[in-house]
């Protein structure tokens, strides 16, 4: 069934593309990749257009209203995880005091 869906995916040379290729090869699945995008919002736009399907992380759900998509959870991708990094401009700490409070909270509450 996956082979019958025109997929929009992240750039196949990146981490997401390599993971997709590894999972589909491991399970002997064929895909019909029609569009490679550089960002999750771009993939969400492609899906919202009605012309593409996509395999997306849960966080992308917020960019797709329920009325425009069908979400199917697959056990094939259940073991996938992604490293996240908090990156900011240190200048923001000087401009917004709430940023420093948030940073201190994250340092104390988020673990690697």
C-alpha atoms as a PDB file:
ATOM      1  CA  UNK A   1       0.000   0.000   0.000  1.00  0.00           C
ATOM      2  CA  UNK A   2       2.875   2.399   0.736  1.00  0.00           C
ATOM      3  CA  UNK A   3       4.102   1.957  -2.840  1.00  0.00           C
ATOM      4  CA  UNK A   4       0.778   3.357  -4.094  1.00  0.00           C
ATOM      5  CA  UNK A   5       1.070   6.652  -2.210  1.00  0.00           C
ATOM      6  CA  UNK A   6       2.936   9.610  -3.724  1.00  0.00           C
ATOM      7  CA  UNK A   7       5.217  10.559  -0.830  1.00  0.00           C
ATOM      8  CA  UNK A   8       6.646  13.915   0.161  1.00  0.00           C
ATOM      9  CA  UNK A   9       9.752  13.319   2.270  1.00  0.00           C
ATOM     10  CA  UNK A  10      12.657  15.162   3.831  1.00  0.00           C
ATOM     11  CA  UNK A  11      15.768  15.315   1.706  1.00  0.00           C
ATOM     12  CA  UNK A  12      16.822  11.674   1.263  1.00  0.00           C
ATOM     13  CA  UNK A  13      20.467  12.594   1.916  1.00  0.00           C
ATOM     14  CA  UNK A  14      19.612  13.803   5.432  1.00  0.00           C
ATOM     15  CA  UNK A  15      19.002  11.886   8.658  1.00  0.00           C
ATOM     16  CA  UNK A  16      15.242  11.546   8.152  1.00  0.00           C
ATOM     17  CA  UNK A  17      15.698  10.262   4.619  1.00  0.00           C
ATOM     18  CA  UNK A  18      18.286   7.722   5.730  1.00  0.00           C
ATOM     19  CA  UNK A  19      15.974   6.503   8.508  1.00  0.00           C
ATOM     20  CA  UNK A  20      13.049   6.145   6.117  1.00  0.00           C
ATOM     21  CA  UNK A  21      15.212   4.193   3.682  1.00  0.00           C
ATOM     22  CA  UNK A  22      16.522   1.924   6.470  1.00  0.00           C
ATOM     23  CA  UNK A  23      13.031   1.113   7.778  1.00  0.00           C
ATOM     24  CA  UNK A  24      11.515   0.467   4.360  1.00  0.00           C
ATOM     25  CA  UNK A  25      14.453  -1.686   3.248  1.00  0.00           C
ATOM     26  CA  UNK A  26      14.406  -3.660   6.500  1.00  0.00           C
ATOM     27  CA  UNK A  27      10.741  -4.534   5.963  1.00  0.00           C
ATOM     28  CA  UNK A  28      10.942  -4.971   2.189  1.00  0.00           C
ATOM     29  CA  UNK A  29       8.624  -2.027   1.478  1.00  0.00           C
ATOM     30  CA  UNK A  30       8.612  -0.069  -1.763  1.00  0.00           C
ATOM     31  CA  UNK A  31       7.941   3.660  -1.769  1.00  0.00           C
ATOM     32  CA  UNK A  32       6.905   6.163  -4.416  1.00  0.00           C
ATOM     33  CA  UNK A  33       8.863   9.266  -3.441  1.00  0.00           C
ATOM     34  CA  UNK A  34       7.669  12.129  -5.605  1.00  0.00           C
ATOM     35  CA  UNK A  35       8.819  15.198  -3.659  1.00  0.00           C
ATOM     36  CA  UNK A  36      11.864  15.880  -1.479  1.00  0.00           C
ATOM     37  CA  UNK A  37      11.529  18.860   0.861  1.00  0.00           C
ATOM     38  CA  UNK A  38      13.927  20.776   3.074  1.00  0.00           C
ATOM     39  CA  UNK A  39      11.600  21.255   6.064  1.00  0.00           C
ATOM     40  CA  UNK A  40       8.659  19.719   7.912  1.00  0.00           C
ATOM     41  CA  UNK A  41       6.433  22.736   7.169  1.00  0.00           C
ATOM     42  CA  UNK A  42       7.108  22.248   3.443  1.00  0.00           C
ATOM     43  CA  UNK A  43       6.097  18.588   3.703  1.00  0.00           C
ATOM     44  CA  UNK A  44       2.964  19.574   5.639  1.00  0.00           C
ATOM     45  CA  UNK A  45       2.074  22.042   2.875  1.00  0.00           C
ATOM     46  CA  UNK A  46       2.462  19.275   0.302  1.00  0.00           C
ATOM     47  CA  UNK A  47       0.196  16.969   2.337  1.00  0.00           C
ATOM     48  CA  UNK A  48      -2.357  19.766   2.880  1.00  0.00           C
ATOM     49  CA  UNK A  49      -2.469  20.298  -0.902  1.00  0.00           C
ATOM     50  CA  UNK A  50      -3.987  16.834  -1.211  1.00  0.00           C
ATOM     51  CA  UNK A  51      -1.369  15.662  -3.681  1.00  0.00           C
ATOM     52  CA  UNK A  52       0.979  13.844  -1.331  1.00  0.00           C
ATOM     53  CA  UNK A  53       1.191  11.572   1.672  1.00  0.00           C
ATOM     54  CA  UNK A  54       4.040  11.733   4.197  1.00  0.00           C
ATOM     55  CA  UNK A  55       5.585   9.904   7.103  1.00  0.00           C
ATOM     56  CA  UNK A  56       5.990  12.593   9.729  1.00  0.00           C
ATOM     57  CA  UNK A  57       7.021  12.902  13.362  1.00  0.00           C
ATOM     58  CA  UNK A  58       4.201  13.495  15.824  1.00  0.00           C
ATOM     59  CA  UNK A  59       5.226  17.129  16.309  1.00  0.00           C
ATOM     60  CA  UNK A  60       4.173  17.887  12.716  1.00  0.00           C
ATOM     61  CA  UNK A  61       0.561  17.098  13.651  1.00  0.00           C
ATOM     62  CA  UNK A  62       0.023  20.708  14.749  1.00  0.00           C
ATOM     63  CA  UNK A  63       0.643  21.912  11.177  1.00  0.00           C
ATOM     64  CA  UNK A  64      -2.095  19.706   9.699  1.00  0.00           C
ATOM     65  CA  UNK A  65      -5.707  20.397  10.706  1.00  0.00           C
ATOM     66  CA  UNK A  66      -7.740  17.228  11.337  1.00  0.00           C
ATOM     67  CA  UNK A  67     -10.026  18.019   8.413  1.00  0.00           C
ATOM     68  CA  UNK A  68      -7.142  17.908   5.910  1.00  0.00           C
ATOM     69  CA  UNK A  69      -5.412  14.675   6.785  1.00  0.00           C
ATOM     70  CA  UNK A  70      -5.755  11.128   8.003  1.00  0.00           C
ATOM     71  CA  UNK A  71      -3.250   9.974  10.603  1.00  0.00           C
ATOM     72  CA  UNK A  72      -2.288   6.313  10.678  1.00  0.00           C
ATOM     73  CA  UNK A  73       0.133   5.127  13.335  1.00  0.00           C
ATOM     74  CA  UNK A  74       2.445   2.367  12.164  1.00  0.00           C
ATOM     75  CA  UNK A  75       4.409   0.040  14.422  1.00  0.00           C
ATOM     76  CA  UNK A  76       7.196   0.107  11.809  1.00  0.00           C
ATOM     77  CA  UNK A  77       8.204   3.569  12.990  1.00  0.00           C
ATOM     78  CA  UNK A  78       7.442   3.175  16.708  1.00  0.00           C
ATOM     79  CA  UNK A  79      11.093   2.679  17.643  1.00  0.00           C
ATOM     80  CA  UNK A  80      12.270   5.809  15.893  1.00  0.00           C
ATOM     81  CA  UNK A  81      13.503   8.701  17.976  1.00  0.00           C
ATOM     82  CA  UNK A  82      15.273  11.908  17.224  1.00  0.00           C
ATOM     83  CA  UNK A  83      17.874  13.882  19.106  1.00  0.00           C
ATOM     84  CA  UNK A  84      16.705  17.402  19.848  1.00  0.00           C
ATOM     85  CA  UNK A  85      18.918  20.393  20.468  1.00  0.00           C
ATOM     86  CA  UNK A  86      17.996  23.720  21.980  1.00  0.00           C
ATOM     87  CA  UNK A  87      19.715  26.419  19.977  1.00  0.00           C
ATOM     88  CA  UNK A  88      19.342  30.112  20.542  1.00  0.00           C
ATOM     89  CA  UNK A  89      21.100  33.404  20.118  1.00  0.00           C
ATOM     90  CA  UNK A  90      22.727  34.428  23.447  1.00  0.00           C
ATOM     91  CA  UNK A  91      21.627  38.004  22.728  1.00  0.00           C
ATOM     92  CA  UNK A  92      18.064  36.873  23.453  1.00  0.00           C
ATOM     93  CA  UNK A  93      19.058  36.267  27.098  1.00  0.00           C
ATOM     94  CA  UNK A  94      19.949  39.943  27.446  1.00  0.00           C
ATOM     95  CA  UNK A  95      16.784  41.158  25.710  1.00  0.00           C
ATOM     96  CA  UNK A  96      14.184  38.885  27.322  1.00  0.00           C
ATOM     97  CA  UNK A  97      14.486  37.998  30.995  1.00  0.00           C
ATOM     98  CA  UNK A  98      11.909  35.218  30.656  1.00  0.00           C
ATOM     99  CA  UNK A  99      14.327  33.393  28.346  1.00  0.00           C
ATOM    100  CA  UNK A 100      16.876  33.031  31.131  1.00  0.00           C
ATOM    101  CA  UNK A 101      14.199  31.640  33.458  1.00  0.00           C
ATOM    102  CA  UNK A 102      13.131  29.136  30.796  1.00  0.00           C
ATOM    103  CA  UNK A 103      16.739  28.120  30.170  1.00  0.00           C
ATOM    104  CA  UNK A 104      17.325  27.468  33.889  1.00  0.00           C
ATOM    105  CA  UNK A 105      14.130  25.391  34.058  1.00  0.00           C
ATOM    106  CA  UNK A 106      15.190  23.325  31.033  1.00  0.00           C
ATOM    107  CA  UNK A 107      18.658  22.705  32.454  1.00  0.00           C
ATOM    108  CA  UNK A 108      17.118  21.367  35.658  1.00  0.00           C
ATOM    109  CA  UNK A 109      14.250  19.387  34.157  1.00  0.00           C
ATOM    110  CA  UNK A 110      15.385  18.006  30.816  1.00  0.00           C
ATOM    111  CA  UNK A 111      17.894  15.195  30.725  1.00  0.00           C
ATOM    112  CA  UNK A 112      19.969  13.694  27.948  1.00  0.00           C
END
